[in-house]
Amino acid sequence: MIAPNTPGKVITVKIKRQDRPDAAPYWQTFEIPYRPNMNVTALLRDIAGVPVTSEGHKTSPPVYDAACLEEVCGSCTMRINGAVRQACSALVDPILEKAPGPITIEPMTKFPVVRDLIVDRSRMFENLKRIKGWIPVDGYYNLGKGPKIDVNAQDITYPLSRCMTCGCCLEACPQFTKDNSFMGAQVFNMVRYFNLHPTGKIDADARLEAVMGDGGITDCGNAQNCVKVCPKEIPLVDSIGAIGRAATVHSVKKFFNK
């Protein structure tokens, strides 16, 4: 149900835009006819279809990412009314019920802006390379049956596997900035995930070494903002604690094995 003080069933949308990575950002306001059960992606699509500001000025269509439209790919992550989330699962009706004013849409602030609402999240994927975020194989011939995964480990790893590299946890993290090397909760969670896999354990020490270096686990301030904004409800604080303990054990073993 639309907020009762939204006049004429028109939705006002303010979008923070940026034409180029090196250009200055600016705001534009649009008015879109209300339809029930819309999401923010639908708002952006309607604006892009008729890119005319609320003042009547023609403009270029706002640029944004969208792919799966079911909160699986993470590509449509942005800030909506100041909160980081996915545009596809951000429903307009609840947003207006909570805050009847204009809906503000802006790109994430912790990643370089490419254009408008699209940001460069390549740093997240480069960090996955640093921690060997994959299961190693000897080849692609028939290797026979793989090792069985303990059912208790499955209960732990399934929630960890839900990470879609959306960047919400990093956007909310006070330690993660554009200018530092902090890896963040997403990486620590993936280290835990792959180190619990019976084949992934082959590279467990290398992963721990990666997160014990610059920008690693010791730089985490335990603000716990990450777990509050994670759209997949991943137990990120548990993963941070588990990797912190594993890194300590690894350090002690290294010391006595010199």
C-alpha atoms as a PDB file:
ATOM      1  CA  MET A   1       0.000   0.000   0.000  1.00  0.00           C
ATOM      2  CA  ILE A   2       1.411   3.391  -0.987  1.00  0.00           C
ATOM      3  CA  ALA A   3       2.025   5.931   1.734  1.00  0.00           C
ATOM      4  CA  PRO A   4      -1.122   8.052   2.208  1.00  0.00           C
ATOM      5  CA  ASN A   5       0.712  11.369   1.820  1.00  0.00           C
ATOM      6  CA  THR A   6       2.236  10.517  -1.563  1.00  0.00           C
ATOM      7  CA  PRO A   7       0.205  12.928  -3.719  1.00  0.00           C
ATOM      8  CA  GLY A   8      -1.433  11.642  -6.892  1.00  0.00           C
ATOM      9  CA  LYS A   9       0.200   8.268  -6.497  1.00  0.00           C
ATOM     10  CA  VAL A  10       3.442   9.576  -7.932  1.00  0.00           C
ATOM     11  CA  ILE A  11       6.761   8.315  -6.615  1.00  0.00           C
ATOM     12  CA  THR A  12       9.537  10.880  -6.301  1.00  0.00           C
ATOM     13  CA  VAL A  13      13.008   9.426  -6.875  1.00  0.00           C
ATOM     14  CA  LYS A  14      16.311  11.232  -6.328  1.00  0.00           C
ATOM     15  CA  ILE A  15      19.296   9.622  -8.071  1.00  0.00           C
ATOM     16  CA  LYS A  16      22.934  10.490  -7.485  1.00  0.00           C
ATOM     17  CA  ARG A  17      24.598  10.474 -10.888  1.00  0.00           C
ATOM     18  CA  GLN A  18      28.161  10.639 -12.184  1.00  0.00           C
ATOM     19  CA  ASP A  19      28.944  10.749 -15.890  1.00  0.00           C
ATOM     20  CA  ARG A  20      32.524   9.448 -15.710  1.00  0.00           C
ATOM     21  CA  PRO A  21      34.848   8.030 -13.038  1.00  0.00           C
ATOM     22  CA  ASP A  22      36.643  11.385 -12.821  1.00  0.00           C
ATOM     23  CA  ALA A  23      33.521  13.573 -13.050  1.00  0.00           C
ATOM     24  CA  ALA A  24      31.779  15.342 -10.190  1.00  0.00           C
ATOM     25  CA  PRO A  25      28.579  13.681  -8.907  1.00  0.00           C
ATOM     26  CA  TYR A  26      25.228  15.443  -9.087  1.00  0.00           C
ATOM     27  CA  TRP A  27      21.619  14.722  -8.171  1.00  0.00           C
ATOM     28  CA  GLN A  28      18.584  14.472 -10.427  1.00  0.00           C
ATOM     29  CA  THR A  29      14.962  14.084  -9.370  1.00  0.00           C
ATOM     30  CA  PHE A  30      12.322  12.085 -11.241  1.00  0.00           C
ATOM     31  CA  GLU A  31       8.613  11.413 -10.745  1.00  0.00           C
ATOM     32  CA  ILE A  32       7.229   8.014 -11.654  1.00  0.00           C
ATOM     33  CA  PRO A  33       3.565   6.904 -11.657  1.00  0.00           C
ATOM     34  CA  TYR A  34       2.922   4.504  -8.815  1.00  0.00           C
ATOM     35  CA  ARG A  35       2.127   0.853  -9.433  1.00  0.00           C
ATOM     36  CA  PRO A  36       1.640  -1.682  -6.637  1.00  0.00           C
ATOM     37  CA  ASN A  37       4.347  -4.242  -5.922  1.00  0.00           C
ATOM     38  CA  MET A  38       7.153  -2.382  -7.698  1.00  0.00           C
ATOM     39  CA  ASN A  39      10.784  -2.842  -6.777  1.00  0.00           C
ATOM     40  CA  VAL A  40      13.574  -0.278  -7.150  1.00  0.00           C
ATOM     41  CA  THR A  41      14.807  -1.959 -10.331  1.00  0.00           C
ATOM     42  CA  ALA A  42      11.373  -1.311 -11.842  1.00  0.00           C
ATOM     43  CA  LEU A  43      11.655   2.351 -10.823  1.00  0.00           C
ATOM     44  CA  LEU A  44      15.028   2.646 -12.543  1.00  0.00           C
ATOM     45  CA  ARG A  45      13.717   0.861 -15.631  1.00  0.00           C
ATOM     46  CA  ASP A  46      10.763   3.243 -15.896  1.00  0.00           C
ATOM     47  CA  ILE A  47      13.034   6.265 -15.492  1.00  0.00           C
ATOM     48  CA  ALA A  48      15.443   4.929 -18.126  1.00  0.00           C
ATOM     49  CA  GLY A  49      12.505   4.414 -20.505  1.00  0.00           C
ATOM     50  CA  VAL A  50      11.440   8.070 -20.221  1.00  0.00           C
ATOM     51  CA  PRO A  51      14.474   9.982 -18.885  1.00  0.00           C
ATOM     52  CA  VAL A  52      12.818  13.293 -18.073  1.00  0.00           C
ATOM     53  CA  THR A  53      13.471  15.013 -14.750  1.00  0.00           C
ATOM     54  CA  SER A  54      10.722  16.297 -12.482  1.00  0.00           C
ATOM     55  CA  GLU A  55      11.484  19.780 -13.845  1.00  0.00           C
ATOM     56  CA  GLY A  56      10.699  18.574 -17.372  1.00  0.00           C
ATOM     57  CA  HIS A  57      14.284  18.435 -18.657  1.00  0.00           C
ATOM     58  CA  LYS A  58      15.313  15.570 -20.923  1.00  0.00           C
ATOM     59  CA  THR A  59      18.415  13.760 -19.708  1.00  0.00           C
ATOM     60  CA  SER A  60      20.365  10.597 -20.348  1.00  0.00           C
ATOM     61  CA  PRO A  61      18.950   7.338 -18.936  1.00  0.00           C
ATOM     62  CA  PRO A  62      20.415   6.503 -15.510  1.00  0.00           C
ATOM     63  CA  VAL A  63      22.913   3.658 -15.746  1.00  0.00           C
ATOM     64  CA  TYR A  64      22.646   0.743 -13.327  1.00  0.00           C
ATOM     65  CA  ASP A  65      23.479  -2.962 -13.065  1.00  0.00           C
ATOM     66  CA  ALA A  66      20.842  -5.707 -13.082  1.00  0.00           C
ATOM     67  CA  ALA A  67      21.086  -9.395 -13.872  1.00  0.00           C
ATOM     68  CA  CYS A  68      19.303 -12.166 -11.955  1.00  0.00           C
ATOM     69  CA  LEU A  69      16.528  -9.995 -10.452  1.00  0.00           C
ATOM     70  CA  GLU A  70      16.180 -12.497  -7.586  1.00  0.00           C
ATOM     71  CA  GLU A  71      18.918 -11.485  -5.115  1.00  0.00           C
ATOM     72  CA  VAL A  72      21.434 -14.084  -6.259  1.00  0.00           C
ATOM     73  CA  CYS A  73      24.023 -12.281  -8.422  1.00  0.00           C
ATOM     74  CA  GLY A  74      24.677  -9.233  -6.221  1.00  0.00           C
ATOM     75  CA  SER A  75      25.181  -6.933  -9.223  1.00  0.00           C
ATOM     76  CA  CYS A  76      22.385  -4.459  -8.377  1.00  0.00           C
ATOM     77  CA  THR A  77      23.759  -3.520  -4.958  1.00  0.00           C
ATOM     78  CA  MET A  78      23.374   0.197  -4.227  1.00  0.00           C
ATOM     79  CA  ARG A  79      22.389   2.575  -1.438  1.00  0.00           C
ATOM     80  CA  ILE A  80      18.631   3.102  -1.144  1.00  0.00           C
ATOM     81  CA  ASN A  81      17.494   5.715   1.375  1.00  0.00           C
ATOM     82  CA  GLY A  82      20.989   5.517   2.862  1.00  0.00           C
ATOM     83  CA  ALA A  83      20.989   1.740   3.377  1.00  0.00           C
ATOM     84  CA  VAL A  84      23.024  -0.631   1.227  1.00  0.00           C
ATOM     85  CA  ARG A  85      20.912  -3.380  -0.363  1.00  0.00           C
ATOM     86  CA  GLN A  86      19.881  -4.945  -3.670  1.00  0.00           C
ATOM     87  CA  ALA A  87      17.555  -2.986  -5.936  1.00  0.00           C
ATOM     88  CA  CYS A  88      15.759  -6.152  -7.071  1.00  0.00           C
ATOM     89  CA  SER A  89      14.600  -7.106  -3.569  1.00  0.00           C
ATOM     90  CA  ALA A  90      13.960  -3.539  -2.380  1.00  0.00           C
ATOM     91  CA  LEU A  91      10.187  -3.270  -2.651  1.00  0.00           C
ATOM     92  CA  VAL A  92       8.766   0.213  -3.070  1.00  0.00           C
ATOM     93  CA  ASP A  93       5.646  -0.194  -0.915  1.00  0.00           C
ATOM     94  CA  PRO A  94       7.503  -1.027   2.330  1.00  0.00           C
ATOM     95  CA  ILE A  95      10.038   1.710   1.587  1.00  0.00           C
ATOM     96  CA  LEU A  96       7.295   4.327   1.274  1.00  0.00           C
ATOM     97  CA  GLU A  97       5.488   3.060   4.362  1.00  0.00           C
ATOM     98  CA  LYS A  98       8.672   3.494   6.378  1.00  0.00           C
ATOM     99  CA  ALA A  99       9.719   6.816   4.829  1.00  0.00           C
ATOM    100  CA  PRO A 100       6.990   8.545   2.739  1.00  0.00           C
ATOM    101  CA  GLY A 101       9.415  11.113   1.307  1.00  0.00           C
ATOM    102  CA  PRO A 102      11.464  10.834  -1.887  1.00  0.00           C
ATOM    103  CA  ILE A 103      13.335   7.577  -2.464  1.00  0.00           C
ATOM    104  CA  THR A 104      17.052   8.344  -2.729  1.00  0.00           C
ATOM    105  CA  ILE A 105      19.251   6.061  -4.799  1.00  0.00           C
ATOM    106  CA  GLU A 106      23.030   6.340  -4.933  1.00  0.00           C
ATOM    107  CA  PRO A 107      26.029   4.134  -5.694  1.00  0.00           C
ATOM    108  CA  MET A 108      28.047   2.394  -3.024  1.00  0.00           C
ATOM    109  CA  THR A 109      30.693   4.680  -1.533  1.00  0.00           C
ATOM    110  CA  LYS A 110      33.479   2.151  -0.864  1.00  0.00           C
ATOM    111  CA  PHE A 111      34.107   1.277  -4.525  1.00  0.00           C
ATOM    112  CA  PRO A 112      35.135   3.461  -7.495  1.00  0.00           C
ATOM    113  CA  VAL A 113      32.169   4.735  -9.489  1.00  0.00           C
ATOM    114  CA  VAL A 114      32.187   3.730 -13.155  1.00  0.00           C
ATOM    115  CA  ARG A 115      29.058   5.657 -14.074  1.00  0.00           C
ATOM    116  CA  ASP A 116      25.922   6.623 -12.150  1.00  0.00           C
ATOM    117  CA  LEU A 117      24.964   3.611  -9.989  1.00  0.00           C
ATOM    118  CA  ILE A 118      27.568   1.197 -11.385  1.00  0.00           C
ATOM    119  CA  VAL A 119      30.698   0.691  -9.288  1.00  0.00           C
ATOM    120  CA  ASP A 120      33.876  -1.308  -9.850  1.00  0.00           C
ATOM    121  CA  ARG A 121      33.854  -4.280  -7.447  1.00  0.00           C
ATOM    122  CA  SER A 122      36.931  -5.933  -8.986  1.00  0.00           C
ATOM    123  CA  ARG A 123      38.826  -5.500  -5.701  1.00  0.00           C
ATOM    124  CA  MET A 124      36.569  -8.139  -4.159  1.00  0.00           C
ATOM    125  CA  PHE A 125      37.399 -10.650  -6.871  1.00  0.00           C
ATOM    126  CA  GLU A 126      41.109  -9.859  -6.737  1.00  0.00           C
ATOM    127  CA  ASN A 127      41.018 -10.588  -3.005  1.00  0.00           C
ATOM    128  CA  LEU A 128      39.433 -13.960  -3.751  1.00  0.00           C
ATOM    129  CA  LYS A 129      42.456 -14.698  -5.923  1.00  0.00           C
ATOM    130  CA  ARG A 130      44.737 -13.799  -3.020  1.00  0.00           C
ATOM    131  CA  ILE A 131      43.132 -16.419  -0.797  1.00  0.00           C
ATOM    132  CA  LYS A 132      42.829 -19.084  -3.514  1.00  0.00           C
ATOM    133  CA  GLY A 133      39.049 -18.954  -3.439  1.00  0.00           C
ATOM    134  CA  TRP A 134      38.518 -22.212  -5.296  1.00  0.00           C
ATOM    135  CA  ILE A 135      38.828 -25.984  -4.863  1.00  0.00           C
ATOM    136  CA  PRO A 136      42.083 -27.241  -6.433  1.00  0.00           C
ATOM    137  CA  VAL A 137      42.036 -30.103  -8.961  1.00  0.00           C
ATOM    138  CA  ASP A 138      44.790 -32.244 -10.530  1.00  0.00           C
ATOM    139  CA  GLY A 139      42.987 -32.392 -13.848  1.00  0.00           C
ATOM    140  CA  TYR A 140      39.623 -32.878 -15.488  1.00  0.00           C
ATOM    141  CA  TYR A 141      39.848 -36.611 -16.101  1.00  0.00           C
ATOM    142  CA  ASN A 142      37.838 -39.057 -13.984  1.00  0.00           C
ATOM    143  CA  LEU A 143      39.380 -38.982 -10.507  1.00  0.00           C
ATOM    144  CA  GLY A 144      36.802 -41.274  -8.979  1.00  0.00           C
ATOM    145  CA  LYS A 145      34.647 -40.454  -6.016  1.00  0.00           C
ATOM    146  CA  GLY A 146      35.670 -37.412  -4.032  1.00  0.00           C
ATOM    147  CA  PRO A 147      35.906 -37.295  -0.255  1.00  0.00           C
ATOM    148  CA  LYS A 148      32.637 -37.225   1.638  1.00  0.00           C
ATOM    149  CA  ILE A 149      31.801 -34.020   3.439  1.00  0.00           C
ATOM    150  CA  ASP A 150      30.817 -34.507   7.044  1.00  0.00           C
ATOM    151  CA  VAL A 151      27.166 -33.646   7.658  1.00  0.00           C
ATOM    152  CA  ASN A 152      28.123 -31.345  10.536  1.00  0.00           C
ATOM    153  CA  ALA A 153      30.498 -29.489   8.223  1.00  0.00           C
ATOM    154  CA  GLN A 154      27.701 -29.182   5.685  1.00  0.00           C
ATOM    155  CA  ASP A 155      25.519 -27.456   8.274  1.00  0.00           C
ATOM    156  CA  ILE A 156      28.287 -24.894   8.762  1.00  0.00           C
ATOM    157  CA  THR A 157      29.387 -24.419   5.159  1.00  0.00           C
ATOM    158  CA  TYR A 158      26.012 -24.096   3.441  1.00  0.00           C
ATOM    159  CA  PRO A 159      25.214 -20.669   4.949  1.00  0.00           C
ATOM    160  CA  LEU A 160      28.783 -19.562   4.130  1.00  0.00           C
ATOM    161  CA  SER A 161      28.330 -20.610   0.488  1.00  0.00           C
ATOM    162  CA  ARG A 162      25.426 -18.181   0.035  1.00  0.00           C
ATOM    163  CA  CYS A 163      27.820 -15.230  -0.409  1.00  0.00           C
ATOM    164  CA  MET A 164      27.162 -13.507  -3.754  1.00  0.00           C
ATOM    165  CA  THR A 165      30.063 -11.016  -3.597  1.00  0.00           C
ATOM    166  CA  CYS A 166      27.578  -8.146  -3.508  1.00  0.00           C
ATOM    167  CA  GLY A 167      29.708  -5.830  -1.357  1.00  0.00           C
ATOM    168  CA  CYS A 168      27.099  -4.983   1.295  1.00  0.00           C
ATOM    169  CA  CYS A 169      29.371  -6.117   4.133  1.00  0.00           C
ATOM    170  CA  LEU A 170      32.240  -3.976   2.866  1.00  0.00           C
ATOM    171  CA  GLU A 171      30.076  -0.912   2.287  1.00  0.00           C
ATOM    172  CA  ALA A 172      28.962  -1.068   5.941  1.00  0.00           C
ATOM    173  CA  CYS A 173      32.446  -1.790   7.331  1.00  0.00           C
ATOM    174  CA  PRO A 174      34.248   1.187   8.933  1.00  0.00           C
ATOM    175  CA  GLN A 175      37.623  -0.501   8.348  1.00  0.00           C
ATOM    176  CA  PHE A 176      37.112  -0.944   4.592  1.00  0.00           C
ATOM    177  CA  THR A 177      37.927   2.155   2.520  1.00  0.00           C
ATOM    178  CA  LYS A 178      38.818   2.917  -1.086  1.00  0.00           C
ATOM    179  CA  ASP A 179      42.387   3.720  -0.115  1.00  0.00           C
ATOM    180  CA  ASN A 180      43.419   0.847   2.166  1.00  0.00           C
ATOM    181  CA  SER A 181      44.141  -2.859   1.651  1.00  0.00           C
ATOM    182  CA  PHE A 182      41.685  -4.320   4.169  1.00  0.00           C
ATOM    183  CA  MET A 183      40.069  -7.470   2.785  1.00  0.00           C
ATOM    184  CA  GLY A 184      36.903  -7.502   4.860  1.00  0.00           C
ATOM    185  CA  ALA A 185      34.330 -10.028   6.019  1.00  0.00           C
ATOM    186  CA  GLN A 186      33.571 -11.432   2.568  1.00  0.00           C
ATOM    187  CA  VAL A 187      37.122 -12.771   2.206  1.00  0.00           C
ATOM    188  CA  PHE A 188      37.385 -14.094   5.768  1.00  0.00           C
ATOM    189  CA  ASN A 189      34.098 -15.931   5.256  1.00  0.00           C
ATOM    190  CA  MET A 190      35.392 -17.534   2.047  1.00  0.00           C
ATOM    191  CA  VAL A 191      38.618 -18.625   3.738  1.00  0.00           C
ATOM    192  CA  ARG A 192      36.545 -20.408   6.349  1.00  0.00           C
ATOM    193  CA  TYR A 193      34.333 -21.954   3.681  1.00  0.00           C
ATOM    194  CA  PHE A 194      37.137 -23.360   1.530  1.00  0.00           C
ATOM    195  CA  ASN A 195      39.264 -24.451   4.499  1.00  0.00           C
ATOM    196  CA  LEU A 196      36.360 -26.570   5.766  1.00  0.00           C
ATOM    197  CA  HIS A 197      36.122 -28.437   2.451  1.00  0.00           C
ATOM    198  CA  PRO A 198      38.032 -31.768   2.543  1.00  0.00           C
ATOM    199  CA  THR A 199      39.786 -31.002  -0.755  1.00  0.00           C
ATOM    200  CA  GLY A 200      40.040 -27.261  -0.164  1.00  0.00           C
ATOM    201  CA  LYS A 201      42.080 -27.966   2.977  1.00  0.00           C
ATOM    202  CA  ILE A 202      45.060 -28.615   0.700  1.00  0.00           C
ATOM    203  CA  ASP A 203      45.540 -24.845   0.472  1.00  0.00           C
ATOM    204  CA  ALA A 204      44.390 -24.048   4.014  1.00  0.00           C
ATOM    205  CA  ASP A 205      47.790 -22.816   5.223  1.00  0.00           C
ATOM    206  CA  ALA A 206      48.246 -20.604   2.152  1.00  0.00           C
ATOM    207  CA  ARG A 207      44.844 -19.021   2.720  1.00  0.00           C
ATOM    208  CA  LEU A 208      45.632 -18.330   6.359  1.00  0.00           C
ATOM    209  CA  GLU A 209      48.973 -16.815   5.362  1.00  0.00           C
ATOM    210  CA  ALA A 210      47.140 -14.509   2.942  1.00  0.00           C
ATOM    211  CA  VAL A 211      44.782 -13.162   5.609  1.00  0.00           C
ATOM    212  CA  MET A 212      47.556 -12.810   8.194  1.00  0.00           C
ATOM    213  CA  GLY A 213      49.338 -10.235   6.060  1.00  0.00           C
ATOM    214  CA  ASP A 214      48.606  -6.634   5.141  1.00  0.00           C
ATOM    215  CA  GLY A 215      44.886  -5.864   5.238  1.00  0.00           C
ATOM    216  CA  GLY A 216      44.133  -9.155   6.896  1.00  0.00           C
ATOM    217  CA  ILE A 217      42.255 -10.452   9.909  1.00  0.00           C
ATOM    218  CA  THR A 218      44.136  -8.389  12.505  1.00  0.00           C
ATOM    219  CA  ASP A 219      42.845  -5.186  10.892  1.00  0.00           C
ATOM    220  CA  CYS A 220      39.228  -6.120  11.675  1.00  0.00           C
ATOM    221  CA  GLY A 221      37.764  -3.838  14.340  1.00  0.00           C
ATOM    222  CA  ASN A 222      34.827  -6.181  15.066  1.00  0.00           C
ATOM    223  CA  ALA A 223      32.236  -3.471  14.434  1.00  0.00           C
ATOM    224  CA  GLN A 224      29.817  -6.227  13.335  1.00  0.00           C
ATOM    225  CA  ASN A 225      28.086  -3.961  10.824  1.00  0.00           C
ATOM    226  CA  CYS A 226      28.741  -6.619   8.176  1.00  0.00           C
ATOM    227  CA  VAL A 227      26.437  -9.225   9.666  1.00  0.00           C
ATOM    228  CA  LYS A 228      23.640  -6.660  10.085  1.00  0.00           C
ATOM    229  CA  VAL A 229      23.497  -5.749   6.386  1.00  0.00           C
ATOM    230  CA  CYS A 230      24.240  -9.134   4.787  1.00  0.00           C
ATOM    231  CA  PRO A 231      21.219  -9.921   2.574  1.00  0.00           C
ATOM    232  CA  LYS A 232      21.923 -13.654   2.844  1.00  0.00           C
ATOM    233  CA  GLU A 233      22.146 -13.659   6.658  1.00  0.00           C
ATOM    234  CA  ILE A 234      25.601 -15.237   6.553  1.00  0.00           C
ATOM    235  CA  PRO A 235      27.138 -15.604  10.057  1.00  0.00           C
ATOM    236  CA  LEU A 236      30.019 -13.286   9.173  1.00  0.00           C
ATOM    237  CA  VAL A 237      30.991 -12.529  12.777  1.00  0.00           C
ATOM    238  CA  ASP A 238      31.308 -16.272  13.413  1.00  0.00           C
ATOM    239  CA  SER A 239      33.545 -16.579  10.357  1.00  0.00           C
ATOM    240  CA  ILE A 240      35.719 -13.669  11.473  1.00  0.00           C
ATOM    241  CA  GLY A 241      36.140 -15.275  14.893  1.00  0.00           C
ATOM    242  CA  ALA A 242      36.893 -18.697  13.394  1.00  0.00           C
ATOM    243  CA  ILE A 243      39.555 -17.323  11.069  1.00  0.00           C
ATOM    244  CA  GLY A 244      41.084 -15.263  13.879  1.00  0.00           C
ATOM    245  CA  ARG A 245      41.457 -18.397  15.992  1.00  0.00           C
ATOM    246  CA  ALA A 246      42.785 -20.425  13.057  1.00  0.00           C
ATOM    247  CA  ALA A 247      45.344 -17.723  12.279  1.00  0.00           C
ATOM    248  CA  THR A 248      46.539 -17.747  15.901  1.00  0.00           C
ATOM    249  CA  VAL A 249      46.959 -21.538  15.891  1.00  0.00           C
ATOM    250  CA  HIS A 250      48.779 -21.329  12.559  1.00  0.00           C
ATOM    251  CA  SER A 251      51.163 -18.690  13.951  1.00  0.00           C
ATOM    252  CA  VAL A 252      51.971 -20.817  17.013  1.00  0.00           C
ATOM    253  CA  LYS A 253      52.657 -23.870  14.854  1.00  0.00           C
ATOM    254  CA  LYS A 254      54.959 -21.847  12.613  1.00  0.00           C
ATOM    255  CA  PHE A 255      56.852 -20.531  15.637  1.00  0.00           C
ATOM    256  CA  PHE A 256      57.553 -23.984  17.061  1.00  0.00           C
ATOM    257  CA  ASN A 257      58.306 -25.556  13.671  1.00  0.00           C
ATOM    258  CA  LYS A 258      61.124 -23.171  12.851  1.00  0.00           C
END
